[in-house]
Protein backbone atom coordinates (compact mmCIF):
# COMPACT_ATOMS: atom_id res chain seq x y z
CA MET A 1 -26.30 -27.94 13.04
CA LEU A 2 -25.36 -27.87 9.25
CA LEU A 3 -26.75 -24.63 7.15
CA LYS A 4 -26.59 -24.62 3.09
CA THR A 5 -25.50 -21.21 1.83
CA LYS A 6 -27.08 -19.95 -1.24
CA SER A 7 -23.38 -20.33 -3.12
CA GLY A 8 -23.86 -24.27 -2.21
CA ARG A 9 -21.54 -23.82 0.73
CA ILE A 10 -22.12 -25.67 4.64
CA VAL A 11 -22.03 -24.37 7.55
CA GLU A 12 -21.42 -25.97 10.53
CA LEU A 13 -23.27 -23.25 12.89
CA PRO A 14 -21.96 -23.38 16.82
CA SER A 15 -24.28 -25.12 19.75
CA GLU A 16 -26.34 -23.53 21.91
CA GLU A 17 -23.37 -24.26 24.30
CA GLU A 18 -21.20 -23.09 21.59
CA ASP A 19 -22.58 -19.84 21.19
CA ILE A 20 -23.57 -18.96 24.95
CA GLN A 21 -19.50 -19.37 25.73
CA ILE A 22 -18.40 -17.35 22.28
CA ASN A 23 -20.98 -14.14 23.43
CA ARG A 24 -19.42 -14.53 26.76
CA GLY A 25 -15.83 -13.99 25.42
CA ILE A 26 -17.45 -11.23 23.55
CA ALA A 27 -19.07 -8.99 26.74
CA ALA A 28 -15.61 -9.40 28.18
CA ASP A 29 -13.58 -7.94 25.58
CA PRO A 30 -13.26 -4.48 26.55
CA ASP A 31 -12.16 -3.14 22.65
CA THR A 32 -15.64 -5.42 21.78
CA LEU A 33 -18.35 -2.42 20.70
CA GLU A 34 -21.63 -2.70 20.45
CA TRP A 35 -23.11 -0.06 17.58
CA THR A 36 -26.16 2.00 18.97
CA GLU A 37 -28.66 2.85 16.93
CA GLU A 38 -26.46 6.41 16.40
CA ASP A 39 -24.21 4.38 15.45
CA PHE A 40 -26.37 3.17 12.61
CA ARG A 41 -27.35 6.32 11.56
CA ASN A 42 -24.23 8.02 11.73
CA ALA A 43 -22.88 5.74 9.34
CA LEU A 44 -22.41 6.22 5.98
CA ARG A 45 -24.25 4.80 3.33
CA MET A 46 -22.93 3.06 0.50
CA THR A 47 -24.11 5.77 -1.73
CA ASP A 48 -22.23 8.76 0.57
CA PHE A 49 -19.09 6.71 0.63
CA GLU A 50 -19.20 6.11 -3.08
CA GLN A 51 -19.68 10.35 -3.52
CA LYS A 52 -17.30 11.07 -1.70
CA PHE A 53 -14.65 9.03 -3.13
CA SER A 54 -15.97 8.45 -6.52
CA ALA A 55 -14.66 12.54 -7.86
CA LYS A 56 -10.71 11.17 -7.30
CA VAL A 57 -8.79 10.65 -10.70
CA SER A 58 -6.59 7.58 -11.18
CA VAL A 59 -3.18 10.18 -13.00
CA THR A 60 0.63 9.28 -12.99
CA LEU A 61 2.57 12.71 -11.47
CA GLN A 62 6.41 12.43 -11.23
CA CYS A 63 7.67 13.96 -7.81
CA SER A 64 11.14 14.06 -6.10
CA ALA A 65 11.94 11.72 -4.34
CA GLU A 66 12.49 13.72 -0.85
CA VAL A 67 8.47 14.29 -1.39
CA ILE A 68 7.39 11.05 -1.91
CA GLU A 69 9.28 9.29 0.32
CA ALA A 70 8.40 12.27 2.81
CA PHE A 71 4.82 11.64 2.60
CA LYS A 72 5.10 7.68 2.39
CA ALA A 73 7.44 7.88 6.18
CA THR A 74 3.81 9.33 7.32
CA GLY A 75 1.84 6.10 6.36
CA GLU A 76 -1.13 4.37 5.26
CA GLY A 77 -2.52 7.15 3.77
CA TRP A 78 -0.29 9.23 2.37
CA GLN A 79 -2.23 9.66 -1.18
CA THR A 80 -4.57 11.14 0.69
CA ARG A 81 -2.68 13.54 2.67
CA VAL A 82 -0.81 14.68 -0.18
CA ASP A 83 -4.48 14.89 -2.74
CA GLU A 84 -5.33 17.67 0.63
CA ALA A 85 -1.74 19.42 0.14
CA LEU A 86 -2.36 19.95 -2.84
CA LYS A 87 -6.39 20.93 -2.19
CA GLU A 88 -4.45 23.44 0.94
CA TRP A 89 -2.15 24.69 -1.83
CA LEU A 90 -4.89 25.52 -4.24
CA LYS A 91 -6.85 27.14 -1.56
CA ALA A 92 -3.68 29.11 -0.74
CA ARG A 93 -2.99 30.62 -4.66
CA THR A 94 -6.78 31.33 -4.96
CA VAL A 95 -6.94 34.00 -1.47
CA GLN A 96 -3.94 35.93 -3.34
């Protein structure tokens, strides 16, 4: 069966037999998770996501090479960890 999308693209949908085989494969895959109603309720809405990350401001910051290398060595998300480390420093500074 062919389906035309709003953008005008033509997509061929699987046959009923192919769809059954696809669903069997999905059901047999131990890494496939079916979302529950609770999962959907607990998922962040886009507005929640935007509010969480919109407070960040893009800046250029010069740091020593050893600091940047150490954070980059921790893998993806290293800039978020720099932000968290700075927040901890701020908390420690205001406590004193």
